[in-house]
Each structure stands twice: as C-alpha cells, then as structure tokens.
C-alpha atoms as a PDB file:
ATOM      1  CA  MET A   1       5.568 -19.429  14.885  1.00  0.00           C
ATOM      2  CA  GLU A   2       3.406 -16.318  15.877  1.00  0.00           C
ATOM      3  CA  LEU A   3       5.909 -13.601  16.985  1.00  0.00           C
ATOM      4  CA  ARG A   4       3.392 -11.239  18.420  1.00  0.00           C
ATOM      5  CA  SER A   5       2.290 -13.917  20.945  1.00  0.00           C
ATOM      6  CA  ASN A   6       5.425 -13.073  22.929  1.00  0.00           C
ATOM      7  CA  ILE A   7       4.122  -9.391  23.539  1.00  0.00           C
ATOM      8  CA  ARG A   8       1.596  -9.284  26.357  1.00  0.00           C
ATOM      9  CA  PRO A   9      -1.965  -8.955  25.216  1.00  0.00           C
ATOM     10  CA  PHE A  10      -4.675  -7.030  27.157  1.00  0.00           C
ATOM     11  CA  GLN A  11      -8.109  -5.804  26.600  1.00  0.00           C
ATOM     12  CA  LEU A  12      -7.195  -2.781  28.757  1.00  0.00           C
ATOM     13  CA  TYR A  13      -3.582  -2.391  29.817  1.00  0.00           C
ATOM     14  CA  GLY A  14      -2.906  -3.986  33.181  1.00  0.00           C
ATOM     15  CA  ASP A  15      -6.246  -5.769  33.510  1.00  0.00           C
ATOM     16  CA  GLU A  16      -5.117  -9.355  33.965  1.00  0.00           C
ATOM     17  CA  GLY A  17      -7.474 -12.047  32.899  1.00  0.00           C
ATOM     18  CA  ALA A  18     -10.152  -9.780  31.404  1.00  0.00           C
ATOM     19  CA  SER A  19     -12.252 -11.681  28.884  1.00  0.00           C
ATOM     20  CA  TYR A  20     -13.040 -10.102  25.422  1.00  0.00           C
ATOM     21  CA  VAL A  21     -16.191  -7.909  25.273  1.00  0.00           C
ATOM     22  CA  PRO A  22     -17.528  -7.817  21.685  1.00  0.00           C
ATOM     23  CA  ASP A  23     -19.432  -4.623  22.217  1.00  0.00           C
ATOM     24  CA  LEU A  24     -16.780  -2.837  24.329  1.00  0.00           C
ATOM     25  CA  VAL A  25     -16.661   1.010  24.415  1.00  0.00           C
ATOM     26  CA  HIS A  26     -14.469   2.319  27.161  1.00  0.00           C
ATOM     27  CA  LEU A  27     -13.277   5.815  27.731  1.00  0.00           C
ATOM     28  CA  GLU A  28     -10.893   7.171  30.451  1.00  0.00           C
ATOM     29  CA  THR A  29      -8.496   9.998  30.857  1.00  0.00           C
ATOM     30  CA  ILE A  30      -4.809   9.467  30.253  1.00  0.00           C
ATOM     31  CA  ALA A  31      -4.131  10.065  33.821  1.00  0.00           C
ATOM     32  CA  ALA A  32      -6.670   7.493  35.089  1.00  0.00           C
ATOM     33  CA  ARG A  33      -4.490   4.587  34.053  1.00  0.00           C
ATOM     34  CA  ALA A  34      -1.022   6.176  33.462  1.00  0.00           C
ATOM     35  CA  SER A  35      -0.900   7.404  37.033  1.00  0.00           C
ATOM     36  CA  LEU A  36      -1.316   3.874  38.342  1.00  0.00           C
ATOM     37  CA  HIS A  37       1.804   2.837  36.391  1.00  0.00           C
ATOM     38  CA  ASN A  38       4.249   5.660  37.263  1.00  0.00           C
ATOM     39  CA  TRP A  39       3.096   7.377  34.080  1.00  0.00           C
ATOM     40  CA  PHE A  40       4.513   4.567  31.953  1.00  0.00           C
ATOM     41  CA  ILE A  41       2.373   2.142  29.828  1.00  0.00           C
ATOM     42  CA  GLY A  42       4.708  -0.697  28.953  1.00  0.00           C
ATOM     43  CA  ALA A  43       4.881  -2.684  25.801  1.00  0.00           C
ATOM     44  CA  HIS A  44       1.562  -4.480  25.029  1.00  0.00           C
ATOM     45  CA  ARG A  45      -1.066  -5.164  22.333  1.00  0.00           C
ATOM     46  CA  HIS A  46      -4.848  -5.295  21.948  1.00  0.00           C
ATOM     47  CA  PRO A  47      -5.911  -8.292  19.851  1.00  0.00           C
ATOM     48  CA  SER A  48      -9.541  -7.273  19.221  1.00  0.00           C
ATOM     49  CA  ILE A  49      -9.467  -3.649  20.256  1.00  0.00           C
ATOM     50  CA  VAL A  50      -8.939  -0.440  18.308  1.00  0.00           C
ATOM     51  CA  GLN A  51      -7.685   2.526  20.475  1.00  0.00           C
ATOM     52  CA  LEU A  52      -7.813   6.252  19.812  1.00  0.00           C
ATOM     53  CA  LEU A  53      -5.721   8.352  22.047  1.00  0.00           C
ATOM     54  CA  TYR A  54      -6.225  12.212  22.262  1.00  0.00           C
ATOM     55  CA  ILE A  55      -3.561  14.270  24.017  1.00  0.00           C
ATOM     56  CA  GLU A  56      -4.016  18.051  24.321  1.00  0.00           C
ATOM     57  CA  ARG A  57      -1.804  19.174  27.078  1.00  0.00           C
ATOM     58  CA  GLY A  58       1.410  18.041  28.894  1.00  0.00           C
ATOM     59  CA  HIS A  59       4.103  15.705  27.314  1.00  0.00           C
ATOM     60  CA  GLY A  60       3.765  12.197  25.839  1.00  0.00           C
ATOM     61  CA  THR A  61       6.108   9.811  24.074  1.00  0.00           C
ATOM     62  CA  LEU A  62       4.945   7.058  21.806  1.00  0.00           C
ATOM     63  CA  VAL A  63       7.177   3.921  21.580  1.00  0.00           C
ATOM     64  CA  THR A  64       6.981   1.449  18.817  1.00  0.00           C
ATOM     65  CA  GLU A  65       9.243  -0.738  16.868  1.00  0.00           C
ATOM     66  CA  ALA A  66      10.035   2.336  14.767  1.00  0.00           C
ATOM     67  CA  GLY A  67      11.495   4.122  17.863  1.00  0.00           C
ATOM     68  CA  GLU A  68      10.319   6.842  20.093  1.00  0.00           C
ATOM     69  CA  ALA A  69       8.269   9.897  19.019  1.00  0.00           C
ATOM     70  CA  GLU A  70       7.249  12.898  21.053  1.00  0.00           C
ATOM     71  CA  LEU A  71       3.469  13.486  20.672  1.00  0.00           C
ATOM     72  CA  ALA A  72       2.588  16.887  19.167  1.00  0.00           C
ATOM     73  CA  LEU A  73      -0.171  18.954  20.805  1.00  0.00           C
ATOM     74  CA  PRO A  74      -2.912  18.331  20.105  1.00  0.00           C
ATOM     75  CA  SER A  75      -2.785  14.979  18.360  1.00  0.00           C
ATOM     76  CA  LEU A  76      -4.599  11.734  17.983  1.00  0.00           C
ATOM     77  CA  VAL A  77      -2.858   8.318  18.018  1.00  0.00           C
ATOM     78  CA  LEU A  78      -4.654   5.490  16.157  1.00  0.00           C
ATOM     79  CA  ILE A  79      -3.754   2.067  17.518  1.00  0.00           C
ATOM     80  CA  PRO A  80      -5.061  -0.678  15.358  1.00  0.00           C
ATOM     81  CA  CYS A  81      -5.585  -4.199  16.591  1.00  0.00           C
ATOM     82  CA  ASP A  82      -2.694  -6.234  17.597  1.00  0.00           C
ATOM     83  CA  CYS A  83      -0.041  -3.484  17.154  1.00  0.00           C
ATOM     84  CA  PRO A  84       2.533  -3.495  19.860  1.00  0.00           C
ATOM     85  CA  HIS A  85       3.000  -0.007  21.500  1.00  0.00           C
ATOM     86  CA  ALA A  86       4.081   1.695  24.689  1.00  0.00           C
ATOM     87  CA  PHE A  87       3.675   5.268  26.076  1.00  0.00           C
ATOM     88  CA  ARG A  88       5.438   7.589  28.596  1.00  0.00           C
ATOM     89  CA  PHE A  89       3.578  10.497  29.939  1.00  0.00           C
ATOM     90  CA  THR A  90       4.315  13.480  32.297  1.00  0.00           C
ATOM     91  CA  PRO A  91       1.915  14.042  35.188  1.00  0.00           C
ATOM     92  CA  ASP A  92       0.471  17.049  33.498  1.00  0.00           C
ATOM     93  CA  ALA A  93      -0.682  15.112  30.440  1.00  0.00           C
ATOM     94  CA  THR A  94      -4.279  15.537  29.806  1.00  0.00           C
ATOM     95  CA  GLY A  95      -6.515  13.865  27.169  1.00  0.00           C
ATOM     96  CA  TRP A  96      -8.484  10.547  26.660  1.00  0.00           C
ATOM     97  CA  VAL A  97      -7.970   7.053  25.601  1.00  0.00           C
ATOM     98  CA  LEU A  98     -10.845   5.468  23.787  1.00  0.00           C
ATOM     99  CA  SER A  99     -10.963   1.667  23.404  1.00  0.00           C
ATOM    100  CA  VAL A 100     -13.642   0.152  20.937  1.00  0.00           C
ATOM    101  CA  ALA A 101     -14.154  -3.499  19.959  1.00  0.00           C
ATOM    102  CA  LEU A 102     -13.249  -3.869  16.312  1.00  0.00           C
ATOM    103  CA  ALA A 103     -16.407  -5.931  15.868  1.00  0.00           C
ATOM    104  CA  LEU A 104     -18.470  -2.834  17.060  1.00  0.00           C
ATOM    105  CA  LEU A 105     -16.734  -0.566  14.542  1.00  0.00           C
ATOM    106  CA  TYR A 106     -17.772  -3.019  11.832  1.00  0.00           C
ATOM    107  CA  ASP A 107     -21.450  -2.788  12.923  1.00  0.00           C
ATOM    108  CA  PRO A 108     -23.555  -1.673   9.969  1.00  0.00           C
ATOM    109  CA  ARG A 109     -24.975   1.092  12.064  1.00  0.00           C
ATOM    110  CA  THR A 110     -21.403   2.860  12.130  1.00  0.00           C
ATOM    111  CA  THR A 111     -20.518   4.774   9.032  1.00  0.00           C
ATOM    112  CA  ILE A 112     -16.709   4.790   8.822  1.00  0.00           C
ATOM    113  CA  THR A 113     -15.687   4.987   5.167  1.00  0.00           C
ATOM    114  CA  ASP A 114     -13.349   2.139   3.937  1.00  0.00           C
ATOM    115  CA  LYS A 115     -13.129   0.567   7.297  1.00  0.00           C
ATOM    116  CA  ASP A 116     -10.720  -2.179   6.106  1.00  0.00           C
ATOM    117  CA  HIS A 117      -8.131   0.332   4.862  1.00  0.00           C
ATOM    118  CA  PHE A 118      -8.466   2.534   7.843  1.00  0.00           C
ATOM    119  CA  LEU A 119      -8.925   0.150  10.807  1.00  0.00           C
ATOM    120  CA  GLN A 120      -6.754  -2.717   9.854  1.00  0.00           C
ATOM    121  CA  ARG A 121      -3.379  -0.904   9.437  1.00  0.00           C
ATOM    122  CA  SER A 122      -0.174  -2.429  10.295  1.00  0.00           C
ATOM    123  CA  ALA A 123       1.315   0.318  12.471  1.00  0.00           C
ATOM    124  CA  VAL A 124       0.418   2.738  15.138  1.00  0.00           C
ATOM    125  CA  GLU A 125      -0.152   6.292  13.662  1.00  0.00           C
ATOM    126  CA  GLN A 126       0.287   9.655  15.126  1.00  0.00           C
ATOM    127  CA  ILE A 127      -2.193  12.283  13.668  1.00  0.00           C
ATOM    128  CA  VAL A 128      -1.421  15.890  14.387  1.00  0.00           C
ATOM    129  CA  VAL A 129      -4.651  17.979  14.717  1.00  0.00           C
ATOM    130  CA  PRO A 130      -4.366  21.556  13.758  1.00  0.00           C
ATOM    131  CA  ALA A 131      -4.981  23.324  16.928  1.00  0.00           C
ATOM    132  CA  ALA A 132      -6.677  26.462  15.452  1.00  0.00           C
ATOM    133  CA  ASP A 133      -8.910  24.241  13.100  1.00  0.00           C
ATOM    134  CA  GLU A 134     -12.605  23.619  13.930  1.00  0.00           C
ATOM    135  CA  GLN A 135     -11.884  19.828  13.595  1.00  0.00           C
ATOM    136  CA  ALA A 136      -9.779  20.104  16.789  1.00  0.00           C
ATOM    137  CA  GLN A 137     -12.799  21.588  18.667  1.00  0.00           C
ATOM    138  CA  LEU A 138     -15.016  18.865  17.219  1.00  0.00           C
ATOM    139  CA  VAL A 139     -12.734  16.014  18.260  1.00  0.00           C
ATOM    140  CA  ARG A 140     -12.697  17.398  21.778  1.00  0.00           C
ATOM    141  CA  LEU A 141     -16.435  17.729  21.823  1.00  0.00           C
ATOM    142  CA  LEU A 142     -16.892  14.209  20.770  1.00  0.00           C
ATOM    143  CA  PHE A 143     -14.740  12.805  23.296  1.00  0.00           C
ATOM    144  CA  ARG A 144     -16.481  14.905  25.921  1.00  0.00           C
ATOM    145  CA  ASP A 145     -19.855  13.613  24.540  1.00  0.00           C
ATOM    146  CA  ILE A 146     -18.812  10.028  24.902  1.00  0.00           C
ATOM    147  CA  GLU A 147     -17.572  10.778  28.403  1.00  0.00           C
ATOM    148  CA  ARG A 148     -20.868  12.253  29.317  1.00  0.00           C
ATOM    149  CA  ARG A 149     -22.540   9.026  28.514  1.00  0.00           C
ATOM    150  CA  GLN A 150     -20.679   7.061  30.986  1.00  0.00           C
ATOM    151  CA  ILE A 151     -22.529   5.584  34.047  1.00  0.00           C
ATOM    152  CA  ASP A 152     -20.292   3.848  36.606  1.00  0.00           C
ATOM    153  CA  ALA A 153     -17.490   3.635  34.014  1.00  0.00           C
ATOM    154  CA  ASN A 154     -19.657   1.813  31.556  1.00  0.00           C
ATOM    155  CA  ILE A 155     -20.792   3.057  28.131  1.00  0.00           C
ATOM    156  CA  ALA A 156     -24.075   1.476  26.937  1.00  0.00           C
ATOM    157  CA  VAL A 157     -23.884   0.949  23.151  1.00  0.00           C
ATOM    158  CA  THR A 158     -26.762   3.147  22.010  1.00  0.00           C
ATOM    159  CA  GLU A 159     -27.624   4.785  18.665  1.00  0.00           C
ATOM    160  CA  GLY A 160     -26.163   8.069  20.166  1.00  0.00           C
ATOM    161  CA  VAL A 161     -22.866   6.350  21.040  1.00  0.00           C
ATOM    162  CA  LEU A 162     -22.556   4.626  17.659  1.00  0.00           C
ATOM    163  CA  ALA A 163     -23.161   7.945  16.013  1.00  0.00           C
ATOM    164  CA  ALA A 164     -20.453   9.694  17.970  1.00  0.00           C
ATOM    165  CA  LEU A 165     -18.017   6.800  17.304  1.00  0.00           C
ATOM    166  CA  SER A 166     -18.775   7.112  13.540  1.00  0.00           C
ATOM    167  CA  MET A 167     -18.190  10.791  13.577  1.00  0.00           C
ATOM    168  CA  LEU A 168     -14.960  10.637  15.619  1.00  0.00           C
ATOM    169  CA  PHE A 169     -13.276   7.974  13.658  1.00  0.00           C
ATOM    170  CA  SER A 170     -14.369   9.528  10.365  1.00  0.00           C
ATOM    171  CA  ILE A 171     -12.956  12.848  11.335  1.00  0.00           C
ATOM    172  CA  THR A 172      -9.688  11.077  12.374  1.00  0.00           C
ATOM    173  CA  GLN A 173      -9.694   9.401   8.880  1.00  0.00           C
ATOM    174  CA  GLU A 174     -10.351  12.651   7.197  1.00  0.00           C
ATOM    175  CA  ILE A 175      -7.419  14.361   9.063  1.00  0.00           C
ATOM    176  CA  SER A 176      -4.983  11.431   8.423  1.00  0.00           C
ATOM    177  CA  THR A 177      -5.800  10.511   4.845  1.00  0.00           C
ATOM    178  CA  VAL A 178      -5.095  12.500   1.777  1.00  0.00           C
ATOM    179  CA  ALA A 179      -6.298  10.462  -1.227  1.00  0.00           C
ATOM    180  CA  VAL A 180      -4.951  10.929  -4.639  1.00  0.00           C
ATOM    181  CA  LYS A 181      -7.890  11.874  -6.717  1.00  0.00           C
ATOM    182  CA  ARG A 182      -8.723  13.157 -10.266  1.00  0.00           C
ATOM    183  CA  GLY A 183     -10.285  16.423 -10.778  1.00  0.00           C
ATOM    184  CA  ASP A 184     -13.700  14.915 -10.890  1.00  0.00           C
ATOM    185  CA  GLY A 185     -13.156  13.487  -7.554  1.00  0.00           C
ATOM    186  CA  ALA A 186     -12.951   9.873  -8.610  1.00  0.00           C
ATOM    187  CA  ILE A 187     -10.138   7.620  -7.184  1.00  0.00           C
ATOM    188  CA  THR A 188      -7.844   6.583  -9.986  1.00  0.00           C
ATOM    189  CA  PRO A 189      -7.697   3.053 -11.064  1.00  0.00           C
ATOM    190  CA  ARG A 190      -3.873   2.960 -10.134  1.00  0.00           C
ATOM    191  CA  ARG A 191      -4.821   4.234  -6.608  1.00  0.00           C
ATOM    192  CA  ALA A 192      -7.423   1.558  -6.369  1.00  0.00           C
ATOM    193  CA  LEU A 193      -5.031  -1.135  -7.449  1.00  0.00           C
ATOM    194  CA  PHE A 194      -2.419   0.136  -5.042  1.00  0.00           C
ATOM    195  CA  THR A 195      -4.904   0.035  -2.210  1.00  0.00           C
ATOM    196  CA  ARG A 196      -5.824  -3.502  -3.001  1.00  0.00           C
ATOM    197  CA  PHE A 197      -2.143  -4.427  -3.313  1.00  0.00           C
ATOM    198  CA  MET A 198      -1.296  -3.030   0.061  1.00  0.00           C
ATOM    199  CA  GLU A 199      -4.309  -4.894   1.692  1.00  0.00           C
ATOM    200  CA  LEU A 200      -3.063  -8.071   0.143  1.00  0.00           C
ATOM    201  CA  VAL A 201       0.448  -7.487   1.350  1.00  0.00           C
ATOM    202  CA  GLU A 202      -0.826  -6.987   4.988  1.00  0.00           C
ATOM    203  CA  GLN A 203      -2.577 -10.397   4.775  1.00  0.00           C
ATOM    204  CA  CYS A 204       0.437 -12.311   2.921  1.00  0.00           C
ATOM    205  CA  TYR A 205       3.682 -10.559   3.910  1.00  0.00           C
ATOM    206  CA  SER A 206       4.980 -13.540   5.742  1.00  0.00           C
ATOM    207  CA  GLU A 207       4.276 -15.998   3.059  1.00  0.00           C
ATOM    208  CA  GLY A 208       7.229 -15.092   0.802  1.00  0.00           C
ATOM    209  CA  LEU A 209       5.071 -14.339  -2.287  1.00  0.00           C
ATOM    210  CA  THR A 210       6.977 -13.028  -5.351  1.00  0.00           C
ATOM    211  CA  VAL A 211       5.637  -9.940  -7.163  1.00  0.00           C
ATOM    212  CA  PRO A 212       4.253 -11.948 -10.090  1.00  0.00           C
ATOM    213  CA  GLU A 213       2.154 -13.934  -7.649  1.00  0.00           C
ATOM    214  CA  TYR A 214       0.849 -10.887  -6.055  1.00  0.00           C
ATOM    215  CA  ALA A 215      -0.028  -9.570  -9.463  1.00  0.00           C
ATOM    216  CA  HIS A 216      -1.818 -12.785 -10.403  1.00  0.00           C
ATOM    217  CA  ALA A 217      -3.789 -12.809  -7.161  1.00  0.00           C
ATOM    218  CA  LEU A 218      -4.871  -9.191  -8.014  1.00  0.00           C
ATOM    219  CA  GLY A 219      -5.771 -10.116 -11.656  1.00  0.00           C
ATOM    220  CA  THR A 220      -3.296  -7.698 -13.175  1.00  0.00           C
ATOM    221  CA  SER A 221       0.232  -7.820 -14.785  1.00  0.00           C
ATOM    222  CA  GLN A 222       3.336  -7.243 -12.983  1.00  0.00           C
ATOM    223  CA  ALA A 223       4.094  -4.152 -15.126  1.00  0.00           C
ATOM    224  CA  THR A 224       0.779  -2.555 -14.318  1.00  0.00           C
ATOM    225  CA  LEU A 225       1.273  -3.204 -10.705  1.00  0.00           C
ATOM    226  CA  THR A 226       4.696  -1.763 -10.809  1.00  0.00           C
ATOM    227  CA  ARG A 227       3.427   1.380 -12.487  1.00  0.00           C
ATOM    228  CA  ALA A 228       0.721   1.830  -9.871  1.00  0.00           C
ATOM    229  CA  CYS A 229       3.118   1.430  -6.987  1.00  0.00           C
ATOM    230  CA  CYS A 230       5.849   3.769  -8.401  1.00  0.00           C
ATOM    231  CA  GLU A 231       3.247   6.398  -9.204  1.00  0.00           C
ATOM    232  CA  ILE A 232       1.729   6.356  -5.703  1.00  0.00           C
ATOM    233  CA  THR A 233       4.860   5.927  -3.607  1.00  0.00           C
ATOM    234  CA  GLY A 234       7.950   6.127  -5.904  1.00  0.00           C
ATOM    235  CA  SER A 235       8.842   2.462  -4.861  1.00  0.00           C
ATOM    236  CA  ALA A 236       8.462  -0.889  -6.622  1.00  0.00           C
ATOM    237  CA  PRO A 237       6.169  -3.597  -5.350  1.00  0.00           C
ATOM    238  CA  ALA A 238       9.067  -5.765  -4.108  1.00  0.00           C
ATOM    239  CA  THR A 239      10.407  -2.813  -2.026  1.00  0.00           C
ATOM    240  CA  LEU A 240       7.053  -2.203  -0.390  1.00  0.00           C
ATOM    241  CA  VAL A 241       6.641  -5.864   0.511  1.00  0.00           C
ATOM    242  CA  ASN A 242      10.199  -6.013   1.938  1.00  0.00           C
ATOM    243  CA  GLU A 243       9.550  -2.855   3.946  1.00  0.00           C
ATOM    244  CA  ARG A 244       6.325  -4.381   5.486  1.00  0.00           C
ATOM    245  CA  ARG A 245       8.342  -7.442   6.386  1.00  0.00           C
ATOM    246  CA  ILE A 246      11.200  -5.392   8.022  1.00  0.00           C
ATOM    247  CA  ILE A 247       8.530  -3.524  10.073  1.00  0.00           C
ATOM    248  CA  GLU A 248       7.447  -6.732  11.521  1.00  0.00           C
ATOM    249  CA  ALA A 249      11.065  -7.789  11.968  1.00  0.00           C
ATOM    250  CA  LYS A 250      11.949  -4.600  13.954  1.00  0.00           C
ATOM    251  CA  ARG A 251       8.713  -5.124  15.976  1.00  0.00           C
ATOM    252  CA  SER A 252       9.761  -8.575  16.871  1.00  0.00           C
ATOM    253  CA  LEU A 253      13.372  -7.561  17.694  1.00  0.00           C
ATOM    254  CA  SER A 254      12.069  -4.815  19.949  1.00  0.00           C
ATOM    255  CA  PHE A 255       9.498  -6.527  21.796  1.00  0.00           C
ATOM    256  CA  THR A 256      10.228 -10.285  21.820  1.00  0.00           C
ATOM    257  CA  THR A 257      13.086 -12.534  22.538  1.00  0.00           C
ATOM    258  CA  ALA A 258      12.705 -14.750  19.396  1.00  0.00           C
ATOM    259  CA  SER A 259      15.991 -15.523  17.641  1.00  0.00           C
ATOM    260  CA  VAL A 260      16.954 -13.844  14.380  1.00  0.00           C
ATOM    261  CA  LYS A 261      16.547 -17.192  12.644  1.00  0.00           C
ATOM    262  CA  GLN A 262      13.063 -17.608  14.188  1.00  0.00           C
ATOM    263  CA  ILE A 263      12.101 -14.184  13.100  1.00  0.00           C
ATOM    264  CA  ALA A 264      13.476 -14.800   9.703  1.00  0.00           C
ATOM    265  CA  ASP A 265      11.409 -18.171   9.418  1.00  0.00           C
ATOM    266  CA  ALA A 266       8.228 -16.471  10.604  1.00  0.00           C
ATOM    267  CA  LEU A 267       8.488 -13.846   7.996  1.00  0.00           C
ATOM    268  CA  GLY A 268       8.765 -16.349   5.221  1.00  0.00           C
ATOM    269  CA  TYR A 269      12.666 -15.935   4.512  1.00  0.00           C
ATOM    270  CA  GLU A 270      13.999 -19.401   3.547  1.00  0.00           C
ATOM    271  CA  ASP A 271      17.619 -18.100   4.075  1.00  0.00           C
ATOM    272  CA  PRO A 272      18.343 -16.362   7.324  1.00  0.00           C
ATOM    273  CA  ALA A 273      21.497 -15.004   5.869  1.00  0.00           C
ATOM    274  CA  TYR A 274      19.508 -13.262   2.958  1.00  0.00           C
ATOM    275  CA  PHE A 275      17.100 -11.856   5.577  1.00  0.00           C
ATOM    276  CA  ALA A 276      20.143 -10.507   7.660  1.00  0.00           C
ATOM    277  CA  ARG A 277      21.614  -8.781   4.563  1.00  0.00           C
ATOM    278  CA  ARG A 278      18.142  -7.217   3.618  1.00  0.00           C
ATOM    279  CA  PHE A 279      17.709  -5.976   7.114  1.00  0.00           C
ATOM    280  CA  ARG A 280      21.034  -4.364   7.288  1.00  0.00           C
ATOM    281  CA  GLN A 281      20.551  -2.805   3.814  1.00  0.00           C
ATOM    282  CA  GLN A 282      17.341  -1.204   4.808  1.00  0.00           C
ATOM    283  CA  VAL A 283      17.877  -0.232   8.575  1.00  0.00           C
ATOM    284  CA  GLY A 284      21.599   0.429   8.419  1.00  0.00           C
ATOM    285  CA  THR A 285      22.544  -1.922  11.255  1.00  0.00           C
ATOM    286  CA  THR A 286      22.439  -5.741  11.850  1.00  0.00           C
ATOM    287  CA  ALA A 287      19.324  -7.321  13.472  1.00  0.00           C
ATOM    288  CA  SER A 288      21.372  -8.333  16.502  1.00  0.00           C
ATOM    289  CA  GLU A 289      22.679  -4.697  17.002  1.00  0.00           C
ATOM    290  CA  PHE A 290      19.050  -3.223  16.350  1.00  0.00           C
ATOM    291  CA  ARG A 291      17.880  -5.549  19.293  1.00  0.00           C
ATOM    292  CA  ARG A 292      20.760  -4.449  21.495  1.00  0.00           C
ATOM    293  CA  GLN A 293      19.728  -0.841  21.034  1.00  0.00           C
ATOM    294  CA  ASN A 294      16.022  -1.436  21.223  1.00  0.00           C
ATOM    295  CA  LEU A 295      15.006  -4.432  23.273  1.00  0.00           C
ATOM    296  CA  ARG A 296      15.513  -3.015  26.827  1.00  0.00           C
ATOM    297  CA  ARG A 297      13.997   0.402  25.788  1.00  0.00           C
ATOM    298  CA  VAL A 298      10.485  -0.704  27.002  1.00  0.00           C
ATOM    299  CA  PRO A 299      10.486  -2.648  30.377  1.00  0.00           C
ATOM    300  CA  GLU A 300       7.773  -5.197  30.904  1.00  0.00           C
ATOM    301  CA  LEU A 301       4.804  -4.521  33.063  1.00  0.00           C
ATOM    302  CA  ASP A 302       6.199  -6.537  35.997  1.00  0.00           C
ATOM    303  CA  SER A 303       9.476  -4.499  36.034  1.00  0.00           C
ATOM    304  CA  ARG A 304       8.082  -1.040  36.800  1.00  0.00           C
ATOM    305  CA  PRO A 305      10.239   1.161  39.118  1.00  0.00           C
ATOM    306  CA  GLU A 306       9.959   0.015  42.613  1.00  0.00           C
ATOM    307  CA  ARG A 307       8.358   3.107  43.847  1.00  0.00           C
ATOM    308  CA  SER A 308       5.361   2.459  41.464  1.00  0.00           C
ATOM    309  CA  ARG A 309       4.842  -1.097  42.846  1.00  0.00           C
ATOM    310  CA  LYS A 310       4.812   0.267  46.438  1.00  0.00           C
ATOM    311  CA  ALA A 311       2.337   2.942  45.515  1.00  0.00           C
ATOM    312  CA  GLY A 312      -0.140   0.233  44.427  1.00  0.00           C
END
C-alpha cells in the first residue's frame, strides 16, 4: 500500500489535471499563488518536482509531519520530490517559489555536487540564510535573474537558465551542508559509508531489513557500520532506520486517513503492536493520539475558508 498516494499530488499547487513537464522551470512570487488561496497552501506533494522557496519579508509557517515551524528571514526551503508539505503566509510575505523538474536537475549540463544526496532527501528542510552574508545577496540576484528570463510566465531551458539553476542549488547545498572532513579536505571513509547507508535506508526503510542485512548490502561488517553511524550521529544504525520509519509514520498519520495497522504494514512492521510500542517510545504519544493532534491541522484544498472560495 502506498500511503503517500492519499496526499494530493500537483505539478503546481491547485493546477488540477496538469500533466508532467520533463523540462519544467517555473518561478513565481509567494503572493502570486498564496493570495489566490487565502494565503494558505494546503497539504500536497510534487511527485517529480523539486521546489526551492525563498522568503525575505513578512511571515511564513511551514507545516510538515514534524509539526509547524516559523520561517526565519531570510531563509530557503528545500522541498524534495514527493515530500508532503503545507504553508501559511501573511499578506506581506515576499519572496519566490522555484519549481524545477527533477529530471532537469539531473541534466549533465547542471553542476550540482552529489545530486542524489542533496536532491533525493526524505524531508522538507528550512535553510536559514545569513542576512548580512554575501550569499544572501547572491541568492536574491539568482532568483531575480531567473525571473528576468520569464516570457509570458514561461522560462525556456537555455544554457543561461541551467547555469543559474546550478549556481542557486549549489549555493543552497553549500549553506545547508557541513561535511565532516579531514585536515586535507578528503571525506573520511566512515562519512562515506554513513552516506551510502543513509541512501540505502531511504530506498529500503519500508522493507524491514535488519542491520546485518544493511551491512551485507553495503559490503561491510555490522561493527564497522555501527562505528560509522555512532561517530557521525551518535546513534546506532537500528536507531536511524527506526527514526526514518517513524518520520514516514508521522507523515501518514498527519496527512492520510490510513489506519494504524495499514501504516504499520506499509512500513514493514509485521506486528502492529510492536510498531505502536516503538512509535510511543520515540514520539512520546500513541499513534492515535498523534493523529488526533495533527490530522486536522492542515485542511484539504477543497475545504478552504468560505471567503476564499467566494473570492475566486
């Protein structure tokens, strides 16, 4: 059972029936779409699109399965493919939302370092941009440059656009990622193993693999894998796998109506009671109570306030 299928997919929020465009590059201001929906962007996902939101003034709230987070100013929000999310804004919010087809970001002409690790993450990430830093000025200039290239709301995929995308996503990656390196600048073997492990977890977290099975797939021993994970995060491999499964469980409880048993089955737990115990141990509440507290937090698109529907 695919739990995310219960969360509404869009290419661009609110565009019903829009087909996937493999070379999509779309840029609009926050106000352009949020103002049409009473400044609320309901729970949804983008199956083949990566989004980068930049807010520099006003107020915004990011809503995910982890809860609500006020957006710092200025900040970037990286929204990987298929990650459920929602936003609330105030009418004075200014900034941009950039939507790019994942296939285009994998075009050989783009130069984003370690694309898999950066673009195929499992959660939405807020990235605070130091306001006085030159990077903040450059981020704004790059959004402006892409906006300048728009003709009738379309952005043709030219070498200039690809260069701007490469630089913008690379700067975002640079701001958000602090790699653990040796003095000579080389990534340590344990960091490399940890990265490969987390990528494999992302692919297999719902299959119920054991730590020895993960280690075997990575061509290493359980002890070596454990040392790498503990050095980088302070947590054992089994803990990291369980945390990833709990993230998906919280997402499903927040944004779908699947039963707790259905969620446990979909995440590879053979015993729903075991899943319930693990969820309570990690989250501090039962799965049912978590749903009661979070499910109605984000209304669906068709349940916007009455005044918003009338305004359309």
